[in-house]
Amino acid sequence: MIEITATVESFEQAQQLLNLDIDYLYFGDSSFGLRLPKHFSREEIKELVQLTHAKGKKVRIAVNAMMHPEKMLLLPDYLHFLEELKVDEIVVGDTGVIHVLRRDNYQLPFIYDAATMVTSSRQINFWGDRGAIGAVLAREIPYLELVDLAKNLNIFGEILVYGATCIHQSKRPLVQNYFNFMKIDEKVDKERNLFISEPKDEETHYSIYEDEHGTHIFATNDVDLMLELKELETIGLTHWKLDGIYTPGQSYVDIVSLFIQAKELILADKWTAEEAEKLNEQVKNLHPEERSLDTGFYYLNPDDIR
């Protein structure tokens, strides 16, 4: 069984995605959810949950922020709100949230997402023994390590098959501090489309923005694993995530549709190299021109990463 999770940026896009054969919509608010295409209010979250459930689909809510003390004080009320909505699952990064979930017996199945730290089956199974139903795998795991990891998992691992990769987060407002020092009046939010480059490599294009959680920096290339989907399915990694944080509007919906077509071909045993290449070309054509694509860490030698 292959499951596809898609981010969402608007009610219109949600309607379009729900009319496709996705399994989960992924969204959240600005206080507790990190790196989302759009942050929704509580009333909007309620409407999106109702819309999704009415379509027979499920929701995953991002509760993956780093919970500093002021956030922890607000957390129980938010978890109670999500519990009342009967959301299907939440995605959790901070172990403090897991503590609260267990301590107060919230009926909220959770997926463990500690970003770059989720690289070991032992670590994933540790959190599985403590209630996690799945884990979001780090983007930095090459295929050879994915093979060993997948066969040792007691809970499912979700893998990014399309979208941007965050490579750094800091609580500090790094860009705003720089602008203050330079006496520049500029916006620092995602819509400003700021990026930084390495001095010795002008081709680098690290997207960067700030919000209430601090500074977020993304890899130059977004991930595209269309050609590797059958391989992932074969080793048992069948929970696929598509992230539209930097792919807005109809283009993202169309790309999700292409991955659904791939899923259907694989399940029908009709996947071929020719079909894969055809779908992949369409992904590249729909992907934002100002952003580049590659397979991330997938083909790297694990020894080179160490």
Protein backbone atom coordinates (compact mmCIF):
# COMPACT_ATOMS: atom_id res chain seq x y z
CA MET A 1 0.00 0.00 0.00
CA ILE A 2 1.33 3.42 -0.99
CA GLU A 3 0.18 6.54 0.87
CA ILE A 4 0.68 10.09 -0.37
CA THR A 5 0.73 13.15 1.87
CA ALA A 6 0.46 16.63 0.34
CA THR A 7 0.86 20.07 1.84
CA VAL A 8 -1.79 22.70 1.09
CA GLU A 9 -1.74 26.47 0.72
CA SER A 10 -5.42 27.42 0.31
CA PHE A 11 -8.99 26.11 0.41
CA GLU A 12 -9.12 26.15 -3.37
CA GLN A 13 -5.99 24.04 -3.59
CA ALA A 14 -7.32 21.74 -0.86
CA GLN A 15 -10.42 21.06 -2.96
CA GLN A 16 -8.26 20.20 -5.96
CA LEU A 17 -5.94 17.93 -4.00
CA LEU A 18 -8.82 16.13 -2.31
CA ASN A 19 -10.31 15.39 -5.70
CA LEU A 20 -7.10 13.52 -6.47
CA ASP A 21 -6.24 10.19 -4.89
CA ILE A 22 -4.12 11.58 -2.05
CA ASP A 23 -4.35 10.06 1.41
CA TYR A 24 -3.46 12.95 3.73
CA LEU A 25 -3.54 16.74 3.67
CA TYR A 26 -0.76 18.28 5.75
CA PHE A 27 -1.17 21.75 7.29
CA GLY A 28 -1.08 23.70 10.54
CA ASP A 29 -0.96 27.08 12.24
CA SER A 30 1.78 29.66 12.69
CA SER A 31 2.50 29.03 16.37
CA PHE A 32 3.15 25.28 16.34
CA GLY A 33 3.76 24.35 12.67
CA LEU A 34 7.09 24.76 10.91
CA ARG A 35 7.85 25.52 7.26
CA LEU A 36 4.38 25.27 5.78
CA PRO A 37 3.21 26.80 2.48
CA LYS A 38 0.53 28.69 4.43
CA HIS A 39 -0.38 29.04 8.09
CA PHE A 40 -4.07 28.68 8.87
CA SER A 41 -6.13 30.10 11.74
CA ARG A 42 -7.98 27.77 14.09
CA GLU A 43 -11.26 28.42 12.33
CA GLU A 44 -9.62 27.67 8.98
CA ILE A 45 -8.08 24.50 10.38
CA LYS A 46 -11.50 23.40 11.58
CA GLU A 47 -13.00 23.99 8.13
CA LEU A 48 -10.13 22.18 6.40
CA VAL A 49 -10.49 19.17 8.70
CA GLN A 50 -14.22 19.01 8.03
CA LEU A 51 -13.67 19.38 4.29
CA THR A 52 -11.02 16.66 4.24
CA HIS A 53 -13.08 14.21 6.26
CA ALA A 54 -16.14 14.88 4.12
CA LYS A 55 -14.05 13.77 1.13
CA GLY A 56 -13.08 10.56 2.92
CA LYS A 57 -9.46 11.66 3.33
CA LYS A 58 -7.31 12.22 6.42
CA VAL A 59 -5.37 15.13 7.92
CA ARG A 60 -1.95 15.45 9.46
CA ILE A 61 -1.40 18.56 11.52
CA ALA A 62 2.07 20.03 11.92
CA VAL A 63 2.99 20.39 15.60
CA ASN A 64 6.68 20.17 14.76
CA ALA A 65 7.96 23.47 16.15
CA MET A 66 10.71 23.71 18.75
CA MET A 67 8.69 24.25 21.92
CA HIS A 68 10.33 26.95 23.97
CA PRO A 69 8.81 27.58 27.42
CA GLU A 70 6.28 30.13 26.18
CA LYS A 71 5.05 27.64 23.56
CA MET A 72 4.77 24.82 26.09
CA LEU A 73 2.38 26.91 28.15
CA LEU A 74 0.06 27.26 25.15
CA LEU A 75 0.45 23.69 23.91
CA PRO A 76 -2.24 21.87 25.98
CA ASP A 77 -4.98 24.18 24.73
CA TYR A 78 -3.91 23.59 21.13
CA LEU A 79 -3.75 19.82 21.58
CA HIS A 80 -7.21 19.88 23.14
CA PHE A 81 -8.46 21.85 20.13
CA LEU A 82 -7.01 19.26 17.72
CA GLU A 83 -8.38 16.40 19.77
CA GLU A 84 -11.87 17.90 19.68
CA LEU A 85 -11.60 18.19 15.89
CA LYS A 86 -10.70 14.48 15.74
CA VAL A 87 -7.70 15.11 13.55
CA ASP A 88 -6.26 11.85 12.31
CA GLU A 89 -2.60 12.40 13.18
CA ILE A 90 -0.18 15.08 14.29
CA VAL A 91 3.48 15.45 13.38
CA VAL A 92 5.73 16.14 16.37
CA GLY A 93 9.36 17.24 16.52
CA ASP A 94 9.92 18.25 20.13
CA THR A 95 10.04 15.47 22.71
CA GLY A 96 8.34 17.82 25.16
CA VAL A 97 5.18 17.47 23.07
CA ILE A 98 5.43 13.69 23.30
CA HIS A 99 5.73 14.00 27.08
CA VAL A 100 2.56 16.10 27.24
CA LEU A 101 0.69 13.73 24.92
CA ARG A 102 1.54 10.76 27.14
CA ARG A 103 1.12 12.57 30.46
CA ASP A 104 -2.32 13.93 29.68
CA ASN A 105 -3.48 10.95 27.61
CA TYR A 106 -4.43 12.88 24.48
CA GLN A 107 -6.06 10.73 21.82
CA LEU A 108 -3.84 12.07 19.06
CA PRO A 109 -1.75 9.55 17.10
CA PHE A 110 1.62 11.13 16.37
CA ILE A 111 4.42 10.85 13.82
CA TYR A 112 7.94 11.61 15.01
CA ASP A 113 9.73 14.32 13.02
CA ALA A 114 13.04 15.59 14.39
CA ALA A 115 14.27 16.64 10.93
CA THR A 116 17.95 15.88 10.32
CA MET A 117 18.21 13.65 13.39
CA VAL A 118 15.90 10.90 12.13
CA THR A 119 18.52 8.70 10.49
CA SER A 120 18.50 5.48 12.53
CA SER A 121 16.01 2.60 12.74
CA ARG A 122 16.93 2.18 16.41
CA GLN A 123 16.01 5.77 17.12
CA ILE A 124 12.75 5.48 15.18
CA ASN A 125 11.81 2.25 16.91
CA PHE A 126 12.64 3.85 20.28
CA TRP A 127 9.93 6.44 19.68
CA GLY A 128 7.66 3.76 18.24
CA ASP A 129 7.88 1.99 21.59
CA ARG A 130 6.75 5.26 23.16
CA GLY A 131 3.69 5.77 21.02
CA ALA A 132 4.79 7.06 17.62
CA ILE A 133 2.96 5.41 14.72
CA GLY A 134 5.54 6.57 12.16
CA ALA A 135 8.54 8.81 11.59
CA VAL A 136 9.55 11.40 9.01
CA LEU A 137 12.93 10.33 7.67
CA ALA A 138 15.73 12.86 7.40
CA ARG A 139 16.36 14.10 3.85
CA GLU A 140 20.06 13.30 4.21
CA ILE A 141 19.84 9.49 4.08
CA PRO A 142 21.30 7.88 0.92
CA TYR A 143 19.67 4.86 -0.72
CA LEU A 144 22.16 2.31 0.60
CA GLU A 145 21.32 3.33 4.16
CA LEU A 146 17.60 3.53 3.40
CA VAL A 147 17.66 -0.15 2.45
CA ASP A 148 19.04 -1.22 5.83
CA LEU A 149 16.89 1.26 7.73
CA ALA A 150 13.64 0.23 6.04
CA LYS A 151 13.97 -3.48 6.78
CA ASN A 152 14.53 -2.81 10.48
CA LEU A 153 11.63 -0.42 11.09
CA ASN A 154 8.81 -1.40 13.44
CA ILE A 155 6.76 1.63 12.37
CA PHE A 156 6.51 3.30 8.98
CA GLY A 157 9.00 5.82 7.66
CA GLU A 158 7.79 8.77 5.58
CA ILE A 159 10.12 9.97 2.83
CA LEU A 160 10.13 13.23 0.89
CA VAL A 161 9.73 12.44 -2.81
CA TYR A 162 9.21 16.02 -3.98
CA GLY A 163 9.90 19.43 -2.50
CA ALA A 164 12.34 21.71 -0.70
CA THR A 165 14.78 20.60 1.99
CA CYS A 166 15.49 22.74 5.05
CA ILE A 167 19.19 22.51 5.94
CA HIS A 168 19.30 24.92 8.87
CA GLN A 169 17.04 26.54 11.43
CA SER A 170 18.08 29.04 14.07
CA LYS A 171 15.94 30.67 16.71
CA ARG A 172 17.92 33.85 16.05
CA PRO A 173 16.58 36.39 13.49
CA LEU A 174 19.75 36.21 11.43
CA VAL A 175 18.56 38.13 8.37
CA GLN A 176 16.86 40.86 10.37
CA ASN A 177 20.00 41.29 12.45
CA TYR A 178 22.02 41.71 9.24
CA PHE A 179 19.55 44.24 7.83
CA ASN A 180 19.60 46.15 11.11
CA PHE A 181 23.40 46.26 11.02
CA MET A 182 23.38 47.43 7.39
CA LYS A 183 20.56 49.90 8.12
CA ILE A 184 18.38 48.32 5.42
CA ASP A 185 14.61 48.29 5.68
CA GLU A 186 13.52 45.00 4.08
CA LYS A 187 10.95 42.30 4.69
CA VAL A 188 12.29 38.93 5.83
CA ASP A 189 9.24 36.68 5.34
CA LYS A 190 8.95 33.85 2.81
CA GLU A 191 7.08 36.00 0.29
CA ARG A 192 10.17 38.24 -0.04
CA ASN A 193 11.98 35.33 -1.79
CA LEU A 194 15.36 36.08 -0.27
CA PHE A 195 18.33 33.78 -0.83
CA ILE A 196 22.00 33.59 0.03
CA SER A 197 24.95 32.21 -1.95
CA GLU A 198 28.39 30.92 -1.08
CA PRO A 199 31.08 33.49 -1.98
CA LYS A 200 33.05 30.89 -3.96
CA ASP A 201 30.05 29.40 -5.73
CA GLU A 202 27.62 31.87 -7.26
CA GLU A 203 25.41 28.99 -8.47
CA THR A 204 24.28 28.24 -4.91
CA HIS A 205 20.83 29.54 -4.08
CA TYR A 206 19.88 28.94 -0.46
CA SER A 207 16.35 30.24 0.09
CA ILE A 208 16.05 31.94 3.45
CA TYR A 209 13.25 33.51 5.46
CA GLU A 210 12.23 34.33 9.02
CA ASP A 211 9.08 33.88 11.07
CA GLU A 212 8.27 33.65 14.76
CA HIS A 213 10.28 30.42 14.98
CA GLY A 214 13.49 32.03 13.74
CA THR A 215 15.47 31.70 10.52
CA HIS A 216 15.01 28.89 7.99
CA ILE A 217 17.52 28.07 5.24
CA PHE A 218 16.85 25.63 2.38
CA ALA A 219 19.09 23.62 0.08
CA THR A 220 19.81 24.98 -3.38
CA ASN A 221 18.11 22.05 -5.11
CA ASP A 222 14.65 20.72 -4.37
CA VAL A 223 14.13 16.95 -4.23
CA ASP A 224 12.58 14.95 -7.06
CA LEU A 225 12.50 11.15 -6.64
CA MET A 226 10.04 10.35 -9.42
CA LEU A 227 12.51 7.98 -11.11
CA GLU A 228 13.24 6.25 -7.81
CA LEU A 229 9.65 5.57 -6.70
CA LYS A 230 9.56 1.91 -7.69
CA GLU A 231 12.84 1.34 -5.88
CA LEU A 232 11.40 2.93 -2.74
CA GLU A 233 8.28 0.82 -2.98
CA THR A 234 10.38 -2.33 -3.35
CA ILE A 235 12.31 -1.72 -0.12
CA GLY A 236 9.11 -0.93 1.76
CA LEU A 237 9.19 2.88 1.93
CA THR A 238 5.64 3.52 0.76
CA HIS A 239 4.68 6.67 2.69
CA TRP A 240 5.50 9.53 0.32
CA LYS A 241 5.46 13.24 1.13
CA LEU A 242 5.16 16.07 -1.40
CA ASP A 243 5.99 19.54 -0.09
CA GLY A 244 4.73 22.60 -1.96
CA ILE A 245 6.31 25.31 0.17
CA TYR A 246 8.13 26.71 -2.89
CA THR A 247 5.81 25.37 -5.60
CA PRO A 248 2.62 27.41 -5.51
CA GLY A 249 -0.82 27.10 -7.03
CA GLN A 250 -1.83 24.88 -9.91
CA SER A 251 1.71 23.74 -10.64
CA TYR A 252 1.88 21.96 -7.31
CA VAL A 253 -1.51 20.30 -7.83
CA ASP A 254 -0.39 19.09 -11.25
CA ILE A 255 2.86 17.70 -9.81
CA VAL A 256 0.94 15.85 -7.10
CA SER A 257 -1.26 14.41 -9.85
CA LEU A 258 1.85 13.08 -11.63
CA PHE A 259 3.03 11.27 -8.50
CA ILE A 260 -0.43 9.78 -8.10
CA GLN A 261 -0.21 8.51 -11.66
CA ALA A 262 3.13 6.95 -10.74
CA LYS A 263 1.58 5.31 -7.70
CA GLU A 264 -1.20 3.83 -9.80
CA LEU A 265 1.24 2.49 -12.39
CA ILE A 266 3.37 0.85 -9.69
CA LEU A 267 0.38 -0.74 -7.95
CA ALA A 268 -0.93 -2.01 -11.30
CA ASP A 269 2.52 -3.45 -12.11
CA LYS A 270 2.71 -1.23 -15.20
CA TRP A 271 5.72 0.86 -14.14
CA THR A 272 8.37 1.14 -16.85
CA ALA A 273 11.46 3.26 -17.36
CA GLU A 274 9.72 4.99 -20.26
CA GLU A 275 6.67 5.90 -18.16
CA ALA A 276 8.92 7.12 -15.35
CA GLU A 277 10.91 9.36 -17.69
CA LYS A 278 7.74 10.76 -19.21
CA LEU A 279 6.31 11.66 -15.80
CA ASN A 280 9.62 13.07 -14.62
CA GLU A 281 9.90 15.38 -17.62
CA GLN A 282 6.49 16.78 -16.76
CA VAL A 283 7.56 17.35 -13.15
CA LYS A 284 10.60 19.30 -14.35
CA ASN A 285 8.47 21.38 -16.70
CA LEU A 286 6.01 22.27 -13.93
CA HIS A 287 8.67 22.98 -11.29
CA PRO A 288 9.38 26.72 -10.70
CA GLU A 289 11.96 27.95 -13.20
CA GLU A 290 13.94 29.80 -10.54
CA ARG A 291 14.47 26.59 -8.55
CA SER A 292 16.50 23.52 -9.50
CA LEU A 293 15.84 19.82 -8.92
CA ASP A 294 17.96 16.79 -8.11
CA THR A 295 17.79 13.58 -6.08
CA GLY A 296 19.33 15.06 -2.95
CA PHE A 297 21.42 12.57 -0.95
CA TYR A 298 19.83 9.54 -2.61
CA TYR A 299 22.80 8.39 -4.72
CA LEU A 300 25.59 9.53 -2.40
CA ASN A 301 28.00 7.06 -0.89
CA PRO A 302 27.29 6.86 2.87
CA ASP A 303 31.03 6.96 3.58
CA ASP A 304 31.31 10.27 1.74
CA ILE A 305 28.66 11.80 3.99
CA ARG A 306 30.49 10.78 7.13
